[in-house]
């Protein structure tokens, strides 16, 4: 039985909500086994309940990386990056205004996922994952910024910083996305 990927996404995030939100640095721990096999999850096997939170977080990152197009479309990258260079209130309003250009399905996905990340960040005292840390971890997956094998130049480093800044702004203001 093949499982709908949207149902899988909901199950994975719900599993982390229930079991991983208090685990210290659940998203940064280098798990030895890697995430549960996507094939097993796609076939509906109940392997999520046995997996540690870091493995399940790896599935979420893998889900975003394997989308045919990044969740944050390439056409909006430069505008989003320029918005992060504005003063705080302008940065927020400009980023949220740009988010109105996203397709409705993307807005729904981002709203759900970033709401989850904000909830994780609210427990940063327990899990050491504030919005800034979460943004650094997830930005490359939401922007599809390569496989990590490319040479890190100062330009690439600046781009990663702007990606993380964008995701941080979106986490902190998820409720205004697409509004």
C-alpha atoms as a PDB file:
ATOM      1  CA  UNK A   1       0.000   0.000   0.000  1.00  0.00           C
ATOM      2  CA  UNK A   2       1.552   3.298  -1.121  1.00  0.00           C
ATOM      3  CA  UNK A   3       1.096   6.151   1.366  1.00  0.00           C
ATOM      4  CA  UNK A   4       0.142   9.678   0.263  1.00  0.00           C
ATOM      5  CA  UNK A   5       3.236  11.922   0.745  1.00  0.00           C
ATOM      6  CA  UNK A   6       1.092  14.645   2.363  1.00  0.00           C
ATOM      7  CA  UNK A   7      -0.172  12.198   4.966  1.00  0.00           C
ATOM      8  CA  UNK A   8       3.428  11.099   5.524  1.00  0.00           C
ATOM      9  CA  UNK A   9       4.512  14.720   5.993  1.00  0.00           C
ATOM     10  CA  UNK A  10       1.799  15.231   8.594  1.00  0.00           C
ATOM     11  CA  UNK A  11       2.709  11.992  10.372  1.00  0.00           C
ATOM     12  CA  UNK A  12       6.404  12.852  10.493  1.00  0.00           C
ATOM     13  CA  UNK A  13       5.820  16.336  11.881  1.00  0.00           C
ATOM     14  CA  UNK A  14       3.242  15.023  14.355  1.00  0.00           C
ATOM     15  CA  UNK A  15       5.711  12.375  15.519  1.00  0.00           C
ATOM     16  CA  UNK A  16       8.298  15.077  16.207  1.00  0.00           C
ATOM     17  CA  UNK A  17       5.682  17.221  17.966  1.00  0.00           C
ATOM     18  CA  UNK A  18       4.836  14.317  20.247  1.00  0.00           C
ATOM     19  CA  UNK A  19       8.282  12.810  20.788  1.00  0.00           C
ATOM     20  CA  UNK A  20      11.086  15.112  19.768  1.00  0.00           C
ATOM     21  CA  UNK A  21      10.270  18.660  20.671  1.00  0.00           C
ATOM     22  CA  UNK A  22      11.989  18.432  24.075  1.00  0.00           C
ATOM     23  CA  UNK A  23      15.025  16.401  22.962  1.00  0.00           C
ATOM     24  CA  UNK A  24      18.227  18.465  23.055  1.00  0.00           C
ATOM     25  CA  UNK A  25      19.394  19.440  19.602  1.00  0.00           C
ATOM     26  CA  UNK A  26      17.215  16.740  18.044  1.00  0.00           C
ATOM     27  CA  UNK A  27      17.799  18.185  14.639  1.00  0.00           C
ATOM     28  CA  UNK A  28      21.571  18.502  14.834  1.00  0.00           C
ATOM     29  CA  UNK A  29      22.495  15.133  16.263  1.00  0.00           C
ATOM     30  CA  UNK A  30      24.436  13.055  13.786  1.00  0.00           C
ATOM     31  CA  UNK A  31      22.467   9.822  13.740  1.00  0.00           C
ATOM     32  CA  UNK A  32      24.501   6.766  12.887  1.00  0.00           C
ATOM     33  CA  UNK A  33      21.799   4.925  10.984  1.00  0.00           C
ATOM     34  CA  UNK A  34      20.340   7.843   9.042  1.00  0.00           C
ATOM     35  CA  UNK A  35      16.605   8.279   8.638  1.00  0.00           C
ATOM     36  CA  UNK A  36      14.317   5.261   8.396  1.00  0.00           C
ATOM     37  CA  UNK A  37      14.263   4.007   4.818  1.00  0.00           C
ATOM     38  CA  UNK A  38      11.954   6.140   2.743  1.00  0.00           C
ATOM     39  CA  UNK A  39      10.803   2.992   0.989  1.00  0.00           C
ATOM     40  CA  UNK A  40       9.577   1.543   4.293  1.00  0.00           C
ATOM     41  CA  UNK A  41       7.760   4.758   5.156  1.00  0.00           C
ATOM     42  CA  UNK A  42       6.298   5.063   1.641  1.00  0.00           C
ATOM     43  CA  UNK A  43       4.973   1.504   1.923  1.00  0.00           C
ATOM     44  CA  UNK A  44       3.207   2.384   5.156  1.00  0.00           C
ATOM     45  CA  UNK A  45       5.431   0.497   7.571  1.00  0.00           C
ATOM     46  CA  UNK A  46       5.155   1.804  11.094  1.00  0.00           C
ATOM     47  CA  UNK A  47       8.835   2.564  11.528  1.00  0.00           C
ATOM     48  CA  UNK A  48       8.400   6.156  12.721  1.00  0.00           C
ATOM     49  CA  UNK A  49       7.405   5.148  16.231  1.00  0.00           C
ATOM     50  CA  UNK A  50      10.707   3.309  16.700  1.00  0.00           C
ATOM     51  CA  UNK A  51      12.914   6.012  15.161  1.00  0.00           C
ATOM     52  CA  UNK A  52      14.679   8.622  17.292  1.00  0.00           C
ATOM     53  CA  UNK A  53      13.667  12.255  16.648  1.00  0.00           C
ATOM     54  CA  UNK A  54      16.877  13.046  14.745  1.00  0.00           C
ATOM     55  CA  UNK A  55      16.098  10.286  12.227  1.00  0.00           C
ATOM     56  CA  UNK A  56      12.582  11.590  11.724  1.00  0.00           C
ATOM     57  CA  UNK A  57      13.904  15.145  11.305  1.00  0.00           C
ATOM     58  CA  UNK A  58      16.173  13.746   8.599  1.00  0.00           C
ATOM     59  CA  UNK A  59      13.084  12.510   6.763  1.00  0.00           C
ATOM     60  CA  UNK A  60      11.609  15.999   6.820  1.00  0.00           C
ATOM     61  CA  UNK A  61      14.782  17.486   5.373  1.00  0.00           C
ATOM     62  CA  UNK A  62      14.883  14.736   2.762  1.00  0.00           C
ATOM     63  CA  UNK A  63      11.249  15.433   1.827  1.00  0.00           C
ATOM     64  CA  UNK A  64      12.009  19.099   1.125  1.00  0.00           C
ATOM     65  CA  UNK A  65      15.263  18.315  -0.731  1.00  0.00           C
ATOM     66  CA  UNK A  66      13.543  15.816  -3.017  1.00  0.00           C
ATOM     67  CA  UNK A  67      10.761  18.123  -4.146  1.00  0.00           C
ATOM     68  CA  UNK A  68      11.116  18.859  -7.870  1.00  0.00           C
ATOM     69  CA  UNK A  69      11.224  22.598  -7.112  1.00  0.00           C
ATOM     70  CA  UNK A  70      12.279  24.295  -3.877  1.00  0.00           C
ATOM     71  CA  UNK A  71       9.458  25.295  -1.532  1.00  0.00           C
ATOM     72  CA  UNK A  72      10.778  28.840  -1.796  1.00  0.00           C
ATOM     73  CA  UNK A  73      10.866  29.350  -5.591  1.00  0.00           C
ATOM     74  CA  UNK A  74      14.098  30.440  -7.261  1.00  0.00           C
ATOM     75  CA  UNK A  75      12.308  33.441  -8.782  1.00  0.00           C
ATOM     76  CA  UNK A  76      11.749  34.853  -5.277  1.00  0.00           C
ATOM     77  CA  UNK A  77      15.211  34.202  -3.802  1.00  0.00           C
ATOM     78  CA  UNK A  78      16.755  37.581  -4.649  1.00  0.00           C
ATOM     79  CA  UNK A  79      13.703  39.497  -3.403  1.00  0.00           C
ATOM     80  CA  UNK A  80      13.662  37.497  -0.169  1.00  0.00           C
ATOM     81  CA  UNK A  81      17.403  38.065   0.319  1.00  0.00           C
ATOM     82  CA  UNK A  82      17.081  41.813  -0.253  1.00  0.00           C
ATOM     83  CA  UNK A  83      14.222  41.924   2.248  1.00  0.00           C
ATOM     84  CA  UNK A  84      16.513  40.454   4.930  1.00  0.00           C
ATOM     85  CA  UNK A  85      18.839  43.433   4.527  1.00  0.00           C
ATOM     86  CA  UNK A  86      16.125  45.919   5.554  1.00  0.00           C
ATOM     87  CA  UNK A  87      15.422  47.191   9.067  1.00  0.00           C
ATOM     88  CA  UNK A  88      13.398  44.838  11.271  1.00  0.00           C
ATOM     89  CA  UNK A  89       9.793  46.008  10.713  1.00  0.00           C
ATOM     90  CA  UNK A  90      10.406  46.600   6.994  1.00  0.00           C
ATOM     91  CA  UNK A  91      12.177  43.238   6.733  1.00  0.00           C
ATOM     92  CA  UNK A  92       9.192  41.439   8.222  1.00  0.00           C
ATOM     93  CA  UNK A  93       6.522  43.251   6.195  1.00  0.00           C
ATOM     94  CA  UNK A  94       8.484  42.910   2.938  1.00  0.00           C
ATOM     95  CA  UNK A  95       9.170  39.194   3.510  1.00  0.00           C
ATOM     96  CA  UNK A  96       5.499  38.555   4.265  1.00  0.00           C
ATOM     97  CA  UNK A  97       4.438  40.585   1.231  1.00  0.00           C
ATOM     98  CA  UNK A  98       6.746  38.503  -0.985  1.00  0.00           C
ATOM     99  CA  UNK A  99       5.228  35.358   0.536  1.00  0.00           C
ATOM    100  CA  UNK A 100       1.896  36.383  -1.020  1.00  0.00           C
ATOM    101  CA  UNK A 101       3.416  35.472  -4.394  1.00  0.00           C
ATOM    102  CA  UNK A 102       3.728  31.818  -3.360  1.00  0.00           C
ATOM    103  CA  UNK A 103       1.223  29.242  -4.638  1.00  0.00           C
ATOM    104  CA  UNK A 104      -1.535  28.414  -2.131  1.00  0.00           C
ATOM    105  CA  UNK A 105      -0.299  24.829  -1.588  1.00  0.00           C
ATOM    106  CA  UNK A 106       3.154  26.166  -0.801  1.00  0.00           C
ATOM    107  CA  UNK A 107       1.720  28.696   1.632  1.00  0.00           C
ATOM    108  CA  UNK A 108      -0.206  25.911   3.384  1.00  0.00           C
ATOM    109  CA  UNK A 109       2.888  23.704   3.577  1.00  0.00           C
ATOM    110  CA  UNK A 110       5.098  26.520   4.869  1.00  0.00           C
ATOM    111  CA  UNK A 111       2.494  27.678   7.358  1.00  0.00           C
ATOM    112  CA  UNK A 112       2.134  24.174   8.813  1.00  0.00           C
ATOM    113  CA  UNK A 113       5.862  23.447   8.883  1.00  0.00           C
ATOM    114  CA  UNK A 114       6.993  26.860  10.147  1.00  0.00           C
ATOM    115  CA  UNK A 115       4.315  26.781  12.855  1.00  0.00           C
ATOM    116  CA  UNK A 116       5.877  23.504  13.971  1.00  0.00           C
ATOM    117  CA  UNK A 117       9.376  25.036  13.905  1.00  0.00           C
ATOM    118  CA  UNK A 118       8.168  28.000  15.935  1.00  0.00           C
ATOM    119  CA  UNK A 119       6.752  25.594  18.531  1.00  0.00           C
ATOM    120  CA  UNK A 120      10.117  23.837  18.638  1.00  0.00           C
ATOM    121  CA  UNK A 121      11.894  27.178  19.089  1.00  0.00           C
ATOM    122  CA  UNK A 122       9.584  28.079  21.978  1.00  0.00           C
ATOM    123  CA  UNK A 123      11.068  25.075  23.806  1.00  0.00           C
ATOM    124  CA  UNK A 124      14.662  26.065  23.035  1.00  0.00           C
ATOM    125  CA  UNK A 125      15.451  26.109  26.744  1.00  0.00           C
ATOM    126  CA  UNK A 126      14.929  22.324  26.708  1.00  0.00           C
ATOM    127  CA  UNK A 127      16.019  21.394  23.186  1.00  0.00           C
ATOM    128  CA  UNK A 128      18.672  24.068  22.402  1.00  0.00           C
ATOM    129  CA  UNK A 129      17.005  24.705  19.023  1.00  0.00           C
ATOM    130  CA  UNK A 130      15.958  28.349  18.797  1.00  0.00           C
ATOM    131  CA  UNK A 131      14.574  29.889  15.595  1.00  0.00           C
ATOM    132  CA  UNK A 132      18.066  30.859  14.470  1.00  0.00           C
ATOM    133  CA  UNK A 133      19.428  27.311  14.846  1.00  0.00           C
ATOM    134  CA  UNK A 134      16.383  25.825  13.122  1.00  0.00           C
ATOM    135  CA  UNK A 135      16.728  28.306  10.263  1.00  0.00           C
ATOM    136  CA  UNK A 136      20.368  27.316   9.715  1.00  0.00           C
ATOM    137  CA  UNK A 137      19.438  23.616   9.681  1.00  0.00           C
ATOM    138  CA  UNK A 138      16.406  23.859   7.372  1.00  0.00           C
ATOM    139  CA  UNK A 139      17.235  26.771   5.029  1.00  0.00           C
ATOM    140  CA  UNK A 140      19.363  24.713   2.600  1.00  0.00           C
ATOM    141  CA  UNK A 141      16.494  22.225   2.246  1.00  0.00           C
ATOM    142  CA  UNK A 142      13.804  24.846   1.689  1.00  0.00           C
ATOM    143  CA  UNK A 143      15.956  26.719  -0.850  1.00  0.00           C
ATOM    144  CA  UNK A 144      17.525  23.609  -2.493  1.00  0.00           C
ATOM    145  CA  UNK A 145      20.970  25.093  -2.096  1.00  0.00           C
ATOM    146  CA  UNK A 146      23.058  22.212  -3.350  1.00  0.00           C
ATOM    147  CA  UNK A 147      24.224  18.884  -2.029  1.00  0.00           C
ATOM    148  CA  UNK A 148      26.999  20.217   0.192  1.00  0.00           C
ATOM    149  CA  UNK A 149      29.790  19.117  -2.130  1.00  0.00           C
ATOM    150  CA  UNK A 150      30.387  22.533  -3.674  1.00  0.00           C
ATOM    151  CA  UNK A 151      33.269  24.694  -2.564  1.00  0.00           C
ATOM    152  CA  UNK A 152      32.339  27.238   0.106  1.00  0.00           C
ATOM    153  CA  UNK A 153      33.193  30.697  -1.124  1.00  0.00           C
ATOM    154  CA  UNK A 154      32.477  33.973   0.602  1.00  0.00           C
ATOM    155  CA  UNK A 155      29.596  34.485  -1.856  1.00  0.00           C
ATOM    156  CA  UNK A 156      28.155  31.037  -1.051  1.00  0.00           C
ATOM    157  CA  UNK A 157      28.557  31.726   2.662  1.00  0.00           C
ATOM    158  CA  UNK A 158      26.733  35.047   2.303  1.00  0.00           C
ATOM    159  CA  UNK A 159      23.945  33.291   0.382  1.00  0.00           C
ATOM    160  CA  UNK A 160      23.579  30.664   3.125  1.00  0.00           C
ATOM    161  CA  UNK A 161      23.429  33.438   5.708  1.00  0.00           C
ATOM    162  CA  UNK A 162      20.642  35.193   3.747  1.00  0.00           C
ATOM    163  CA  UNK A 163      18.763  31.903   3.351  1.00  0.00           C
ATOM    164  CA  UNK A 164      18.931  31.299   7.095  1.00  0.00           C
ATOM    165  CA  UNK A 165      17.882  34.900   7.783  1.00  0.00           C
ATOM    166  CA  UNK A 166      14.871  34.445   5.485  1.00  0.00           C
ATOM    167  CA  UNK A 167      13.797  31.210   7.160  1.00  0.00           C
ATOM    168  CA  UNK A 168      14.316  32.773  10.597  1.00  0.00           C
ATOM    169  CA  UNK A 169      12.031  35.673   9.624  1.00  0.00           C
ATOM    170  CA  UNK A 170       9.442  33.209   8.320  1.00  0.00           C
ATOM    171  CA  UNK A 171       9.579  31.073  11.479  1.00  0.00           C
ATOM    172  CA  UNK A 172       9.079  34.105  13.697  1.00  0.00           C
ATOM    173  CA  UNK A 173       6.209  35.380  11.533  1.00  0.00           C
ATOM    174  CA  UNK A 174       4.691  32.182  10.142  1.00  0.00           C
ATOM    175  CA  UNK A 175       1.141  33.327  10.880  1.00  0.00           C
ATOM    176  CA  UNK A 176       1.461  36.164   8.334  1.00  0.00           C
ATOM    177  CA  UNK A 177       2.669  34.039   5.414  1.00  0.00           C
ATOM    178  CA  UNK A 178       0.528  34.593   2.346  1.00  0.00           C
ATOM    179  CA  UNK A 179      -1.751  37.081   4.126  1.00  0.00           C
END
